[in-house]
C-alpha atoms as a PDB file:
ATOM      1  CA  MET A   1       0.000   0.000   0.000  1.00  0.00           C
ATOM      2  CA  ARG A   2       1.370   3.372  -0.982  1.00  0.00           C
ATOM      3  CA  THR A   3       1.428   6.203   1.466  1.00  0.00           C
ATOM      4  CA  LEU A   4       0.264   9.718   0.891  1.00  0.00           C
ATOM      5  CA  ASN A   5       2.976  12.329   0.691  1.00  0.00           C
ATOM      6  CA  ARG A   6       3.348  15.927  -0.402  1.00  0.00           C
ATOM      7  CA  ILE A   7       5.188  17.008  -3.538  1.00  0.00           C
ATOM      8  CA  THR A   8       7.146  20.228  -3.395  1.00  0.00           C
ATOM      9  CA  THR A   9       6.147  23.084  -5.671  1.00  0.00           C
ATOM     10  CA  GLY A  10       9.724  24.320  -5.667  1.00  0.00           C
ATOM     11  CA  SER A  11       8.734  27.217  -3.415  1.00  0.00           C
ATOM     12  CA  ALA A  12       9.035  26.846   0.354  1.00  0.00           C
ATOM     13  CA  GLN A  13       6.464  29.605   0.911  1.00  0.00           C
ATOM     14  CA  PHE A  14       3.924  28.041  -1.466  1.00  0.00           C
ATOM     15  CA  ASP A  15       4.516  24.590   0.057  1.00  0.00           C
ATOM     16  CA  GLU A  16       3.790  26.075   3.475  1.00  0.00           C
ATOM     17  CA  LEU A  17       0.466  27.510   2.239  1.00  0.00           C
ATOM     18  CA  LEU A  18      -0.417  24.053   0.894  1.00  0.00           C
ATOM     19  CA  ALA A  19       0.388  22.276   4.176  1.00  0.00           C
ATOM     20  CA  GLY A  20       3.585  20.816   2.751  1.00  0.00           C
ATOM     21  CA  GLY A  21       3.010  20.748  -1.017  1.00  0.00           C
ATOM     22  CA  ILE A  22       0.694  19.112  -3.510  1.00  0.00           C
ATOM     23  CA  GLU A  23      -0.937  15.938  -2.239  1.00  0.00           C
ATOM     24  CA  SER A  24       0.132  12.758  -4.010  1.00  0.00           C
ATOM     25  CA  GLN A  25      -2.278  10.070  -5.206  1.00  0.00           C
ATOM     26  CA  SER A  26      -4.866  12.648  -6.102  1.00  0.00           C
ATOM     27  CA  ILE A  27      -6.032  14.778  -8.983  1.00  0.00           C
ATOM     28  CA  THR A  28      -5.213  18.435  -8.633  1.00  0.00           C
ATOM     29  CA  GLU A  29      -6.695  21.091 -10.880  1.00  0.00           C
ATOM     30  CA  PHE A  30      -5.205  24.555 -11.205  1.00  0.00           C
ATOM     31  CA  PHE A  31      -7.213  27.469 -12.518  1.00  0.00           C
ATOM     32  CA  GLY A  32      -6.847  31.218 -12.575  1.00  0.00           C
ATOM     33  CA  GLU A  33      -6.257  34.267 -14.681  1.00  0.00           C
ATOM     34  CA  PHE A  34      -4.021  34.275 -17.738  1.00  0.00           C
ATOM     35  CA  ARG A  35      -0.276  34.532 -16.968  1.00  0.00           C
ATOM     36  CA  THR A  36      -0.499  33.754 -13.234  1.00  0.00           C
ATOM     37  CA  GLY A  37       1.955  30.825 -13.306  1.00  0.00           C
ATOM     38  CA  LYS A  38      -0.330  27.798 -13.654  1.00  0.00           C
ATOM     39  CA  THR A  39       1.614  26.253 -16.523  1.00  0.00           C
ATOM     40  CA  GLN A  40       4.962  26.990 -14.875  1.00  0.00           C
ATOM     41  CA  LEU A  41       3.740  25.302 -11.690  1.00  0.00           C
ATOM     42  CA  CYS A  42       2.584  22.245 -13.644  1.00  0.00           C
ATOM     43  CA  HIS A  43       5.909  21.976 -15.449  1.00  0.00           C
ATOM     44  CA  THR A  44       7.748  22.285 -12.132  1.00  0.00           C
ATOM     45  CA  LEU A  45       5.579  19.559 -10.579  1.00  0.00           C
ATOM     46  CA  CYS A  46       6.366  17.268 -13.522  1.00  0.00           C
ATOM     47  CA  VAL A  47       9.980  17.416 -12.368  1.00  0.00           C
ATOM     48  CA  SER A  48       9.644  17.728  -8.587  1.00  0.00           C
ATOM     49  CA  SER A  49       7.364  14.662  -8.539  1.00  0.00           C
ATOM     50  CA  GLN A  50      10.378  12.664  -9.648  1.00  0.00           C
ATOM     51  CA  LEU A  51      12.639  13.815  -6.809  1.00  0.00           C
ATOM     52  CA  GLY A  52      13.424  11.475  -3.955  1.00  0.00           C
ATOM     53  CA  TYR A  53      11.070  11.432  -0.997  1.00  0.00           C
ATOM     54  CA  ASP A  54      13.735  13.087   1.135  1.00  0.00           C
ATOM     55  CA  LEU A  55      13.743  16.070  -1.264  1.00  0.00           C
ATOM     56  CA  GLY A  56       9.964  16.542  -1.302  1.00  0.00           C
ATOM     57  CA  GLY A  57       9.334  14.378  -4.338  1.00  0.00           C
ATOM     58  CA  GLY A  58       7.398  11.229  -5.014  1.00  0.00           C
ATOM     59  CA  GLN A  59       9.958   9.210  -6.973  1.00  0.00           C
ATOM     60  CA  GLY A  60       7.279   8.710  -9.578  1.00  0.00           C
ATOM     61  CA  LYS A  61       5.840   9.336 -12.991  1.00  0.00           C
ATOM     62  CA  VAL A  62       3.472  12.087 -14.042  1.00  0.00           C
ATOM     63  CA  LEU A  63       0.388  12.394 -16.215  1.00  0.00           C
ATOM     64  CA  TYR A  64       0.109  15.879 -17.722  1.00  0.00           C
ATOM     65  CA  VAL A  65      -3.384  16.376 -19.137  1.00  0.00           C
ATOM     66  CA  ASP A  66      -3.041  19.471 -21.289  1.00  0.00           C
ATOM     67  CA  THR A  67      -6.299  21.281 -21.977  1.00  0.00           C
ATOM     68  CA  GLU A  68      -4.798  24.418 -23.542  1.00  0.00           C
ATOM     69  CA  GLY A  69      -1.833  23.224 -25.611  1.00  0.00           C
ATOM     70  CA  ASN A  70       0.746  24.739 -23.246  1.00  0.00           C
ATOM     71  CA  PHE A  71       2.969  21.730 -22.517  1.00  0.00           C
ATOM     72  CA  ARG A  72       6.593  22.507 -23.389  1.00  0.00           C
ATOM     73  CA  PRO A  73       9.210  19.736 -23.165  1.00  0.00           C
ATOM     74  CA  GLU A  74      11.967  22.351 -23.177  1.00  0.00           C
ATOM     75  CA  ARG A  75      10.609  23.724 -19.893  1.00  0.00           C
ATOM     76  CA  ILE A  76      10.830  20.242 -18.344  1.00  0.00           C
ATOM     77  CA  THR A  77      14.452  20.092 -19.499  1.00  0.00           C
ATOM     78  CA  ALA A  78      15.323  23.456 -17.949  1.00  0.00           C
ATOM     79  CA  ILE A  79      13.560  22.688 -14.678  1.00  0.00           C
ATOM     80  CA  ALA A  80      15.185  19.239 -14.463  1.00  0.00           C
ATOM     81  CA  GLU A  81      18.570  20.920 -14.754  1.00  0.00           C
ATOM     82  CA  ARG A  82      17.584  23.327 -11.960  1.00  0.00           C
ATOM     83  CA  PHE A  83      16.854  20.316  -9.722  1.00  0.00           C
ATOM     84  CA  SER A  84      20.050  18.522 -10.874  1.00  0.00           C
ATOM     85  CA  LEU A  85      18.099  15.715 -12.539  1.00  0.00           C
ATOM     86  CA  ASP A  86      18.629  14.068 -15.918  1.00  0.00           C
ATOM     87  CA  PRO A  87      16.443  16.028 -18.375  1.00  0.00           C
ATOM     88  CA  GLU A  88      15.872  13.098 -20.748  1.00  0.00           C
ATOM     89  CA  GLY A  89      15.007  10.786 -17.866  1.00  0.00           C
ATOM     90  CA  CYS A  90      12.526  13.336 -16.557  1.00  0.00           C
ATOM     91  CA  LEU A  91      10.854  13.658 -19.942  1.00  0.00           C
ATOM     92  CA  GLU A  92      10.529   9.879 -20.180  1.00  0.00           C
ATOM     93  CA  ASN A  93       8.625   9.884 -16.886  1.00  0.00           C
ATOM     94  CA  VAL A  94       6.042  12.427 -18.066  1.00  0.00           C
ATOM     95  CA  ILE A  95       3.060  11.146 -20.011  1.00  0.00           C
ATOM     96  CA  HIS A  96       1.627  14.098 -21.882  1.00  0.00           C
ATOM     97  CA  CYS A  97      -1.753  14.072 -23.563  1.00  0.00           C
ATOM     98  CA  ARG A  98      -4.004  16.715 -25.014  1.00  0.00           C
ATOM     99  CA  ALA A  99      -7.645  16.672 -23.932  1.00  0.00           C
ATOM    100  CA  MET A 100     -10.296  19.027 -25.226  1.00  0.00           C
ATOM    101  CA  THR A 101     -13.327  17.653 -23.378  1.00  0.00           C
ATOM    102  CA  HIS A 102     -14.150  16.250 -19.973  1.00  0.00           C
ATOM    103  CA  GLU A 103     -14.613  12.846 -21.564  1.00  0.00           C
ATOM    104  CA  GLN A 104     -11.132  12.970 -23.092  1.00  0.00           C
ATOM    105  CA  GLN A 105      -9.696  13.954 -19.709  1.00  0.00           C
ATOM    106  CA  MET A 106     -11.342  10.980 -18.024  1.00  0.00           C
ATOM    107  CA  GLU A 107     -10.189   8.592 -20.759  1.00  0.00           C
ATOM    108  CA  ALA A 108      -6.612   9.874 -20.399  1.00  0.00           C
ATOM    109  CA  ILE A 109      -6.717   9.256 -16.652  1.00  0.00           C
ATOM    110  CA  ILE A 110      -8.044   5.720 -17.119  1.00  0.00           C
ATOM    111  CA  GLN A 111      -5.438   4.852 -19.757  1.00  0.00           C
ATOM    112  CA  ALA A 112      -2.575   6.373 -17.750  1.00  0.00           C
ATOM    113  CA  SER A 113      -3.695   4.549 -14.642  1.00  0.00           C
ATOM    114  CA  ALA A 114      -3.473   1.244 -16.482  1.00  0.00           C
ATOM    115  CA  LEU A 115      -0.075   2.175 -17.933  1.00  0.00           C
ATOM    116  CA  PHE A 116       1.307   3.254 -14.545  1.00  0.00           C
ATOM    117  CA  HIS A 117       0.059   0.025 -13.012  1.00  0.00           C
ATOM    118  CA  GLU A 118       1.800  -2.061 -15.702  1.00  0.00           C
ATOM    119  CA  THR A 119       5.119  -0.196 -15.584  1.00  0.00           C
ATOM    120  CA  GLY A 120       5.258   0.415 -11.840  1.00  0.00           C
END
């Protein structure tokens, strides 16, 4: 049985507001005004989720359900370097899909769940 942990946002102050970071084993939705940092936060979480538990990570893989077409692999690369992680390895651990409807979002979650279960 996996335990719940918190994934760092990369900001100690933001982590403190969130009671330690973003909760693992859950679906988190970010929304807000244009240019408020939502995409940057999601890209950062794609990387920080792969950090060791001792560094505020989850040692895991990530599903990035992109509803606006904003996913940028080059951002993952830059952020991975910031966290001293292998950029290519980080990209391999991010499953990115584009979803335009609620139904597509749910299908992506179901398919990724099966894939994560198979690959560990």
